């Protein structure tokens, strides 16, 4: 056998070709450098396929046993870092199959009966992603519990609530943090929902048209823990909706992370000084020795754009593809892999950082007092005295203008001055104008009254199974 023939023997399609693939093309088309992370899913899928082939009488029991024995050795070699990944074998599938054939001979060659790399890779990615989804679901719980741990002792801590980045009304700091718990709870719901669509088995679709072998696809689905099988062979091998949907979910998670990160950056700045972060989540400056920079929060905010980019990349990848499988789809993995890595690492470090937040309630309260945050409470007070809201709104605007002119908070204005704006104002107005009074007045479900916030904390603790 010539050396050229030996070169071609290593390629799954070699008999058709009259010359070997160029080295440049090998490097350009190979995916093993990044898709080798699918190795566990590839082995698990192959073992389930082999078990089904044997059960259906397509391969013999001896072949199945040999495949299992060889795969066990390959699994150990990869885990130990002893497996030799070869660029000329292009991807994770051919590398594992070639080593299997080297170990067990013809049984390894029979493994690929009734399947194609098209349905094989679609199965591997779904298997791998399902495991990552389960890990991210746990991290979303951890993130919510971290926020809850800071929210609970700060139910009555007064924070200036903002609209348009202007002080609007006083709110509970605990209530503010629970808004992020709600966001991440919705993310968890979305993740659980998309998992159902990820968890469908493509294997058995073969290259695109199914196969003439009597496969039992439902058996393989049960073995691998899939909820069902993909019902159209063309769609099974070419669908990447599940990857796009996951990246869309990830983009929403990162958007929520970015919003929280932005507030952490603002709250930690000297202009706010509402919180402090542990030194291990900050960095210094190479030139300014006094600096403590919230780099973790800033980088999480920046990595949001990275994930958005992956979503756009996957949408663009798929937008012009005809049915069925095209080599374009090799480009689905790196954006998906990096999205998973980015979201996983970000949630882990953000949860750790959030739980260590040091709250500075005095600074929060001073800021709330600077912004006439109880002006709406005075308007509501006048409405309860019989004024139409629009008239009350106008009266309070004059009162605020006067308070600004005197450099005082509304609650510091003398009663005679307040009564000059409307005669119905009485001594009881000062309870309304206090920050605590404003908080306590919001007694609707979902409101910022401490009693209502405590109920929400209890609800989230029960939902999350968080220890009291």
Protein backbone atom coordinates (compact mmCIF):
# COMPACT_ATOMS: atom_id res chain seq x y z
CA UNK A 1 0.00 0.00 0.00
CA UNK A 2 1.41 3.41 -0.95
CA UNK A 3 1.92 6.22 1.54
CA UNK A 4 -0.79 8.14 -0.30
CA UNK A 5 -3.19 5.26 0.23
CA UNK A 6 -2.26 5.14 3.91
CA UNK A 7 -2.99 8.87 4.23
CA UNK A 8 -6.38 8.39 2.62
CA UNK A 9 -7.21 5.39 4.82
CA UNK A 10 -7.48 7.74 7.80
CA UNK A 11 -10.28 9.72 6.16
CA UNK A 12 -13.86 8.50 6.39
CA UNK A 13 -14.62 9.37 2.75
CA UNK A 14 -11.20 8.56 1.23
CA UNK A 15 -12.14 6.08 -1.49
CA UNK A 16 -13.84 8.74 -3.59
CA UNK A 17 -10.90 11.13 -3.66
CA UNK A 18 -7.83 11.01 -5.87
CA UNK A 19 -5.61 13.21 -3.70
CA UNK A 20 -5.28 13.91 0.02
CA UNK A 21 -6.72 17.02 1.63
CA UNK A 22 -4.30 19.94 1.70
CA UNK A 23 -2.79 20.88 5.04
CA UNK A 24 -4.39 24.33 4.85
CA UNK A 25 -7.84 22.84 4.31
CA UNK A 26 -7.27 20.42 7.19
CA UNK A 27 -6.52 23.28 9.54
CA UNK A 28 -9.33 25.44 8.19
CA UNK A 29 -12.04 22.78 8.44
CA UNK A 30 -10.94 20.99 11.61
CA UNK A 31 -13.01 21.55 14.74
CA UNK A 32 -11.35 19.16 17.17
CA UNK A 33 -9.56 21.96 19.02
CA UNK A 34 -12.90 23.22 20.35
CA UNK A 35 -15.43 20.41 19.90
CA UNK A 36 -13.37 17.93 21.93
CA UNK A 37 -15.21 19.29 24.97
CA UNK A 38 -18.15 17.20 23.70
CA UNK A 39 -16.26 13.96 24.32
CA UNK A 40 -18.37 12.72 27.22
CA UNK A 41 -21.60 13.36 25.33
CA UNK A 42 -20.10 11.68 22.26
CA UNK A 43 -19.18 8.55 24.22
CA UNK A 44 -22.53 8.41 26.03
CA UNK A 45 -24.41 8.79 22.74
CA UNK A 46 -22.30 6.11 21.06
CA UNK A 47 -22.84 3.64 23.90
CA UNK A 48 -26.61 4.17 23.78
CA UNK A 49 -26.52 3.74 19.99
CA UNK A 50 -24.47 0.53 20.26
CA UNK A 51 -26.78 -0.91 22.91
CA UNK A 52 -29.76 -0.26 20.65
CA UNK A 53 -28.02 -1.73 17.58
CA UNK A 54 -27.37 -4.91 19.54
CA UNK A 55 -30.92 -5.06 20.90
CA UNK A 56 -32.23 -4.74 17.35
CA UNK A 57 -29.91 -7.47 16.06
CA UNK A 58 -28.05 -5.03 13.79
CA UNK A 59 -24.72 -5.79 15.45
CA UNK A 60 -23.76 -8.78 17.57
CA UNK A 61 -23.54 -8.89 21.33
CA UNK A 62 -19.79 -9.47 21.11
CA UNK A 63 -19.41 -6.26 19.11
CA UNK A 64 -21.46 -4.34 21.66
CA UNK A 65 -19.31 -5.67 24.51
CA UNK A 66 -16.14 -4.75 22.63
CA UNK A 67 -17.44 -1.24 21.98
CA UNK A 68 -18.24 -0.78 25.67
CA UNK A 69 -14.81 -2.06 26.67
CA UNK A 70 -13.04 0.21 24.20
CA UNK A 71 -15.09 3.26 25.17
CA UNK A 72 -14.31 2.69 28.84
CA UNK A 73 -10.61 2.82 28.02
CA UNK A 74 -11.04 5.93 25.85
CA UNK A 75 -13.03 7.63 28.60
CA UNK A 76 -10.20 6.99 31.04
CA UNK A 77 -7.54 8.13 28.59
CA UNK A 78 -9.30 11.43 27.97
CA UNK A 79 -9.97 12.00 31.67
CA UNK A 80 -6.29 11.36 32.43
CA UNK A 81 -5.09 13.64 29.62
CA UNK A 82 -3.44 10.75 27.77
CA UNK A 83 -5.69 10.77 24.70
CA UNK A 84 -4.00 11.97 21.50
CA UNK A 85 -6.27 14.36 19.63
CA UNK A 86 -5.34 14.39 15.94
CA UNK A 87 -6.04 17.36 13.68
CA UNK A 88 -6.16 15.15 10.59
CA UNK A 89 -9.17 13.33 12.07
CA UNK A 90 -10.99 16.66 12.04
CA UNK A 91 -13.40 16.43 14.97
CA UNK A 92 -14.23 14.78 18.26
CA UNK A 93 -16.32 12.06 16.58
CA UNK A 94 -13.71 10.74 14.18
CA UNK A 95 -10.97 10.96 16.81
CA UNK A 96 -12.91 8.77 19.22
CA UNK A 97 -14.07 6.37 16.51
CA UNK A 98 -10.53 5.97 15.16
CA UNK A 99 -9.16 5.20 18.63
CA UNK A 100 -12.02 2.77 19.25
CA UNK A 101 -11.26 0.92 16.02
CA UNK A 102 -7.60 0.82 16.97
CA UNK A 103 -8.55 -0.77 20.29
CA UNK A 104 -11.31 -3.22 19.29
CA UNK A 105 -10.97 -3.65 15.53
CA UNK A 106 -14.02 -4.28 13.35
CA UNK A 107 -16.48 -3.74 16.21
CA UNK A 108 -15.39 -0.10 16.20
CA UNK A 109 -16.11 0.13 12.49
CA UNK A 110 -19.63 -1.21 13.04
CA UNK A 111 -20.52 1.45 15.60
CA UNK A 112 -21.41 4.04 12.95
CA UNK A 113 -24.08 1.79 11.41
CA UNK A 114 -27.36 3.69 11.04
CA UNK A 115 -26.04 7.10 11.95
CA UNK A 116 -24.16 10.04 10.44
CA UNK A 117 -21.97 12.69 11.93
CA UNK A 118 -24.88 15.02 11.15
CA UNK A 119 -27.26 13.46 13.66
CA UNK A 120 -24.36 12.49 15.92
CA UNK A 121 -23.14 16.05 16.44
CA UNK A 122 -26.67 17.37 16.91
CA UNK A 123 -27.15 14.74 19.63
CA UNK A 124 -23.82 15.51 21.27
CA UNK A 125 -24.48 19.24 21.45
CA UNK A 126 -27.95 18.71 22.91
CA UNK A 127 -26.61 16.24 25.50
CA UNK A 128 -23.80 18.58 26.48
CA UNK A 129 -26.04 21.64 26.60
CA UNK A 130 -28.62 19.83 28.73
CA UNK A 131 -25.98 19.20 31.37
CA UNK A 132 -24.85 22.83 31.26
CA UNK A 133 -28.45 24.00 31.57
CA UNK A 134 -28.85 22.00 34.77
CA UNK A 135 -25.68 23.58 36.15
CA UNK A 136 -26.88 27.07 35.26
CA UNK A 137 -30.26 26.40 36.86
CA UNK A 138 -28.44 25.72 40.13
CA UNK A 139 -26.39 28.92 39.75
CA UNK A 140 -29.52 30.99 39.17
CA UNK A 141 -30.83 29.65 42.48
CA UNK A 142 -27.53 30.57 44.13
CA UNK A 143 -27.74 34.08 42.70
CA UNK A 144 -31.27 34.57 43.99
CA UNK A 145 -30.32 33.28 47.44
CA UNK A 146 -27.34 35.65 47.58
CA UNK A 147 -29.59 38.62 46.84
CA UNK A 148 -32.12 37.39 49.37
CA UNK A 149 -29.42 37.11 52.04
CA UNK A 150 -28.65 40.83 51.66
CA UNK A 151 -32.29 41.88 51.21
CA UNK A 152 -33.66 40.28 54.37
CA UNK A 153 -31.69 42.29 56.96
CA UNK A 154 -32.30 45.46 54.94
CA UNK A 155 -36.08 45.31 54.70
CA UNK A 156 -36.39 48.60 56.59
CA UNK A 157 -33.20 50.22 55.24
CA UNK A 158 -34.20 53.36 53.34
CA UNK A 159 -32.81 53.82 49.84
CA UNK A 160 -33.66 56.67 47.48
CA UNK A 161 -35.58 55.17 44.59
CA UNK A 162 -34.73 56.72 41.24
CA UNK A 163 -36.46 57.43 37.96
CA UNK A 164 -34.44 59.12 35.22
CA UNK A 165 -31.54 58.81 37.73
CA UNK A 166 -33.26 61.52 39.81
CA UNK A 167 -34.40 60.87 43.36
CA UNK A 168 -38.05 59.87 43.11
CA UNK A 169 -39.42 58.18 46.27
CA UNK A 170 -37.92 56.36 49.24
CA UNK A 171 -37.89 52.59 48.94
CA UNK A 172 -36.67 49.71 51.04
CA UNK A 173 -33.18 48.57 50.01
CA UNK A 174 -34.37 45.02 50.55
CA UNK A 175 -37.28 45.68 48.22
CA UNK A 176 -34.85 47.04 45.62
CA UNK A 177 -32.73 43.86 45.74
CA UNK A 178 -35.83 41.68 45.49
CA UNK A 179 -36.50 43.27 42.10
CA UNK A 180 -33.38 41.44 40.88
CA UNK A 181 -34.57 38.23 42.53
CA UNK A 182 -37.70 38.53 40.38
CA UNK A 183 -35.56 39.02 37.24
CA UNK A 184 -33.40 35.99 37.90
CA UNK A 185 -36.50 33.96 38.81
CA UNK A 186 -37.92 34.72 35.36
CA UNK A 187 -34.59 33.65 33.86
CA UNK A 188 -34.88 30.34 35.71
CA UNK A 189 -38.39 29.84 34.31
CA UNK A 190 -37.16 30.52 30.79
CA UNK A 191 -34.28 28.09 31.26
CA UNK A 192 -36.57 25.31 32.45
CA UNK A 193 -38.86 25.91 29.50
CA UNK A 194 -36.14 25.88 26.85
CA UNK A 195 -34.63 22.72 28.38
CA UNK A 196 -37.67 20.82 27.14
CA UNK A 197 -36.90 21.81 23.56
CA UNK A 198 -33.21 21.04 23.92
CA UNK A 199 -34.03 17.60 25.31
CA UNK A 200 -35.16 15.93 22.07
CA UNK A 201 -33.11 13.25 20.34
CA UNK A 202 -31.90 13.78 16.73
CA UNK A 203 -30.04 10.45 16.56
CA UNK A 204 -31.61 8.16 13.96
CA UNK A 205 -32.10 10.92 11.43
CA UNK A 206 -28.74 9.82 9.96
CA UNK A 207 -27.39 12.19 7.29
CA UNK A 208 -30.79 13.76 6.55
CA UNK A 209 -33.34 11.17 5.42
CA UNK A 210 -33.40 8.62 8.22
CA UNK A 211 -32.03 5.13 7.68
CA UNK A 212 -33.09 1.75 6.29
CA UNK A 213 -31.89 -0.05 9.44
CA UNK A 214 -34.63 -0.93 11.95
CA UNK A 215 -33.50 1.50 14.62
CA UNK A 216 -35.40 1.94 17.87
CA UNK A 217 -35.00 5.67 18.37
CA UNK A 218 -37.29 5.79 21.39
CA UNK A 219 -35.06 3.23 23.14
CA UNK A 220 -32.01 5.46 22.63
CA UNK A 221 -34.00 8.47 23.84
CA UNK A 222 -34.94 6.64 27.05
CA UNK A 223 -31.38 5.47 27.62
CA UNK A 224 -30.01 9.01 27.29
CA UNK A 225 -32.80 10.66 29.26
CA UNK A 226 -34.35 12.57 26.36
CA UNK A 227 -38.02 13.53 26.59
CA UNK A 228 -38.66 12.34 23.03
CA UNK A 229 -37.25 12.18 19.52
CA UNK A 230 -37.09 14.80 16.78
CA UNK A 231 -39.97 13.92 14.46
CA UNK A 232 -38.57 15.12 11.11
CA UNK A 233 -35.21 13.83 9.95
CA UNK A 234 -34.46 16.95 7.89
CA UNK A 235 -35.16 19.26 10.78
CA UNK A 236 -33.35 16.99 13.24
CA UNK A 237 -29.94 17.38 11.60
CA UNK A 238 -30.24 21.04 10.60
CA UNK A 239 -32.06 22.62 13.54
CA UNK A 240 -30.05 24.95 15.74
CA UNK A 241 -33.03 26.79 17.21
CA UNK A 242 -32.20 25.29 20.59
CA UNK A 243 -28.74 26.89 20.55
CA UNK A 244 -30.14 30.25 19.48
CA UNK A 245 -32.88 30.08 22.11
CA UNK A 246 -30.31 29.27 24.77
CA UNK A 247 -28.18 32.24 23.73
CA UNK A 248 -31.26 34.48 23.79
CA UNK A 249 -31.93 33.29 27.34
CA UNK A 250 -28.29 33.95 28.19
CA UNK A 251 -28.55 37.47 26.76
CA UNK A 252 -31.46 38.22 29.10
CA UNK A 253 -29.54 36.84 32.08
CA UNK A 254 -26.56 38.98 31.22
CA UNK A 255 -28.76 42.03 30.74
CA UNK A 256 -30.04 41.54 34.29
CA UNK A 257 -26.48 41.03 35.52
CA UNK A 258 -25.44 44.20 33.72
CA UNK A 259 -28.20 46.28 35.31
CA UNK A 260 -27.21 45.04 38.77
CA UNK A 261 -23.53 45.62 37.97
CA UNK A 262 -24.24 49.19 36.91
CA UNK A 263 -25.98 49.89 40.22
CA UNK A 264 -23.15 48.29 42.20
CA UNK A 265 -20.65 50.51 40.37
CA UNK A 266 -22.75 53.61 41.13
CA UNK A 267 -23.48 52.65 44.74
CA UNK A 268 -19.80 52.04 45.48
CA UNK A 269 -18.61 55.35 44.04
CA UNK A 270 -17.75 58.14 46.48
CA UNK A 271 -20.61 60.21 45.03
CA UNK A 272 -23.08 57.65 46.39
CA UNK A 273 -21.14 55.57 48.97
CA UNK A 274 -24.22 53.40 49.58
CA UNK A 275 -22.28 50.13 49.77
CA UNK A 276 -18.81 48.71 49.96
CA UNK A 277 -17.37 45.58 48.37
CA UNK A 278 -14.79 43.18 49.75
CA UNK A 279 -11.26 43.90 48.57
CA UNK A 280 -11.06 40.55 46.76
CA UNK A 281 -13.63 41.80 44.23
CA UNK A 282 -11.82 45.07 43.55
CA UNK A 283 -8.57 46.14 41.94
CA UNK A 284 -6.23 49.07 42.39
CA UNK A 285 -4.75 51.58 40.02
CA UNK A 286 -1.25 51.48 38.56
CA UNK A 287 -0.86 55.22 39.13
CA UNK A 288 -3.43 56.30 41.77
CA UNK A 289 -2.75 54.51 45.09
CA UNK A 290 -6.08 55.53 46.64
CA UNK A 291 -8.25 53.71 44.09
CA UNK A 292 -10.47 50.67 44.75
CA UNK A 293 -12.13 49.85 41.45
CA UNK A 294 -15.21 47.56 41.18
CA UNK A 295 -13.66 45.67 38.28
CA UNK A 296 -15.74 42.50 38.68
CA UNK A 297 -18.99 44.42 38.27
CA UNK A 298 -17.57 46.44 35.39
CA UNK A 299 -16.31 43.36 33.58
CA UNK A 300 -19.62 41.55 34.05
CA UNK A 301 -21.30 44.58 32.50
CA UNK A 302 -18.85 44.40 29.60
CA UNK A 303 -19.24 40.67 29.06
CA UNK A 304 -22.93 41.25 28.39
CA UNK A 305 -21.99 42.63 24.97
CA UNK A 306 -19.95 39.50 24.31
CA UNK A 307 -23.00 37.29 24.84
CA UNK A 308 -25.22 39.58 22.76
CA UNK A 309 -22.66 39.19 19.97
CA UNK A 310 -22.90 35.41 20.13
CA UNK A 311 -26.69 35.60 19.78
CA UNK A 312 -26.39 37.75 16.67
CA UNK A 313 -23.66 35.45 15.31
CA UNK A 314 -25.88 32.37 15.64
CA UNK A 315 -28.91 34.09 14.13
CA UNK A 316 -26.77 35.23 11.21
CA UNK A 317 -25.23 31.77 10.85
CA UNK A 318 -28.63 30.17 10.35
CA UNK A 319 -30.52 32.85 8.44
CA UNK A 320 -29.55 31.81 4.89
CA UNK A 321 -29.10 28.06 5.24
CA UNK A 322 -31.16 25.76 3.03
CA UNK A 323 -32.13 22.33 4.34
CA UNK A 324 -30.38 20.33 5.57
CA UNK A 325 -26.98 20.12 7.22
CA UNK A 326 -24.30 22.50 5.95
CA UNK A 327 -20.70 22.91 7.03
CA UNK A 328 -21.67 26.40 8.25
CA UNK A 329 -23.05 24.66 11.33
CA UNK A 330 -19.56 23.90 12.56
CA UNK A 331 -19.54 27.58 13.51
CA UNK A 332 -22.35 27.09 16.03
CA UNK A 333 -20.15 25.62 18.73
CA UNK A 334 -17.68 28.31 19.69
CA UNK A 335 -20.37 30.98 20.27
CA UNK A 336 -22.46 28.48 22.22
CA UNK A 337 -19.51 27.20 24.26
CA UNK A 338 -18.32 30.71 25.11
CA UNK A 339 -21.84 31.80 26.04
CA UNK A 340 -22.15 28.94 28.51
CA UNK A 341 -18.71 29.64 29.96
CA UNK A 342 -19.37 33.37 30.28
CA UNK A 343 -22.77 33.05 31.95
CA UNK A 344 -21.59 30.29 34.29
CA UNK A 345 -18.50 32.19 35.45
CA UNK A 346 -20.39 35.49 35.73
CA UNK A 347 -23.22 34.09 37.85
CA UNK A 348 -20.77 32.33 40.14
CA UNK A 349 -18.63 35.38 40.84
CA UNK A 350 -21.58 37.80 41.03
CA UNK A 351 -23.33 35.64 43.64
CA UNK A 352 -20.19 35.55 45.77
CA UNK A 353 -19.68 39.29 45.45
CA UNK A 354 -23.30 40.22 46.19
CA UNK A 355 -23.48 38.16 49.36
CA UNK A 356 -20.49 40.10 50.73
CA UNK A 357 -21.95 43.57 50.13
CA UNK A 358 -21.55 45.93 53.10
CA UNK A 359 -24.56 48.27 53.31
CA UNK A 360 -24.20 51.91 54.45
CA UNK A 361 -27.74 52.90 55.50
CA UNK A 362 -26.81 56.38 56.75
CA UNK A 363 -25.52 57.39 53.32
CA UNK A 364 -28.64 56.02 51.66
CA UNK A 365 -30.90 57.96 54.01
CA UNK A 366 -28.97 61.20 53.54
CA UNK A 367 -29.34 60.85 49.78
CA UNK A 368 -33.07 60.22 50.09
CA UNK A 369 -33.45 63.40 52.13
CA UNK A 370 -31.67 65.45 49.47
CA UNK A 371 -34.19 64.70 46.76
CA UNK A 372 -37.56 65.67 48.30
CA UNK A 373 -38.49 62.01 48.03
CA UNK A 374 -41.69 62.42 50.09
CA UNK A 375 -43.28 65.03 47.80
CA UNK A 376 -45.74 62.46 46.41
CA UNK A 377 -46.69 61.52 49.98
CA UNK A 378 -47.66 65.15 50.64
CA UNK A 379 -49.78 65.13 47.48
CA UNK A 380 -51.48 61.91 48.61
CA UNK A 381 -52.05 63.47 52.05
CA UNK A 382 -53.87 66.41 50.44
CA UNK A 383 -55.97 64.07 48.25
CA UNK A 384 -57.12 62.31 51.42
CA UNK A 385 -58.13 65.76 52.70
CA UNK A 386 -60.42 66.16 49.70
CA UNK A 387 -58.28 67.85 47.00
CA UNK A 388 -58.27 66.47 43.45
CA UNK A 389 -54.88 64.90 42.75
CA UNK A 390 -53.94 67.42 40.04
CA UNK A 391 -54.63 70.33 42.43
CA UNK A 392 -52.66 68.58 45.16
CA UNK A 393 -49.81 68.05 42.71
CA UNK A 394 -49.69 71.81 42.02
CA UNK A 395 -49.78 72.73 45.72
CA UNK A 396 -46.86 70.39 46.48
CA UNK A 397 -44.84 71.77 43.57
CA UNK A 398 -45.03 75.22 45.20
CA UNK A 399 -44.04 73.73 48.57
CA UNK A 400 -41.02 71.97 47.06
CA UNK A 401 -39.97 75.17 45.32
CA UNK A 402 -40.08 77.00 48.63
CA UNK A 403 -38.13 74.24 50.38
CA UNK A 404 -35.45 74.38 47.68
CA UNK A 405 -35.19 78.12 48.15
CA UNK A 406 -34.65 77.72 51.89
CA UNK A 407 -32.33 74.71 51.53
CA UNK A 408 -34.63 72.55 53.65
CA UNK A 409 -36.35 69.22 53.27
CA UNK A 410 -40.17 69.30 53.17
CA UNK A 411 -40.25 67.70 56.60
CA UNK A 412 -38.17 70.60 57.98
CA UNK A 413 -40.58 73.33 56.85
CA UNK A 414 -42.54 74.92 59.74
CA UNK A 415 -46.22 74.00 59.97
CA UNK A 416 -47.22 77.61 59.34
CA UNK A 417 -45.25 77.64 56.11
CA UNK A 418 -46.89 74.40 54.94
CA UNK A 419 -50.36 75.67 55.87
CA UNK A 420 -49.64 78.68 53.71
CA UNK A 421 -49.78 76.35 50.72
CA UNK A 422 -53.04 74.77 51.87
CA UNK A 423 -55.10 75.30 55.00
CA UNK A 424 -56.00 71.61 55.40
CA UNK A 425 -52.43 70.69 56.29
CA UNK A 426 -52.21 69.77 59.98
CA UNK A 427 -49.66 68.56 62.50
CA UNK A 428 -50.16 65.00 61.31
CA UNK A 429 -48.40 65.89 58.05
CA UNK A 430 -44.97 65.31 59.59
CA UNK A 431 -45.61 61.59 60.00
CA UNK A 432 -46.42 61.52 56.29
CA UNK A 433 -43.33 63.51 55.32
CA UNK A 434 -40.86 61.25 57.13
CA UNK A 435 -38.97 58.68 55.06
CA UNK A 436 -40.13 55.86 57.30
CA UNK A 437 -43.71 57.08 57.07
CA UNK A 438 -43.48 57.11 53.29
CA UNK A 439 -42.22 53.53 53.27
CA UNK A 440 -44.86 52.29 55.68
CA UNK A 441 -47.64 53.85 53.62
CA UNK A 442 -46.97 51.54 50.63
CA UNK A 443 -49.02 48.64 51.95
CA UNK A 444 -50.12 47.16 48.62
CA UNK A 445 -48.97 43.75 47.43
CA UNK A 446 -45.60 44.32 45.82
CA UNK A 447 -45.17 47.64 47.62
CA UNK A 448 -42.12 48.85 49.50
CA UNK A 449 -43.61 48.89 53.02
CA UNK A 450 -41.36 46.76 55.24
CA UNK A 451 -44.29 44.52 56.18
CA UNK A 452 -44.94 43.80 52.50
CA UNK A 453 -41.23 43.27 51.80
CA UNK A 454 -40.99 40.76 54.65
CA UNK A 455 -43.85 38.82 53.07
CA UNK A 456 -41.98 38.78 49.78
CA UNK A 457 -38.81 37.60 51.51
CA UNK A 458 -40.77 34.75 53.09
CA UNK A 459 -42.31 33.86 49.74
CA UNK A 460 -38.92 33.73 48.05
CA UNK A 461 -37.39 31.74 50.92
CA UNK A 462 -40.11 29.12 50.60
CA UNK A 463 -39.73 29.04 46.80
CA UNK A 464 -35.94 28.80 46.88
CA UNK A 465 -35.68 26.54 49.89
CA UNK A 466 -33.35 29.12 51.44
CA UNK A 467 -32.50 28.59 55.09
CA UNK A 468 -33.79 31.22 57.48
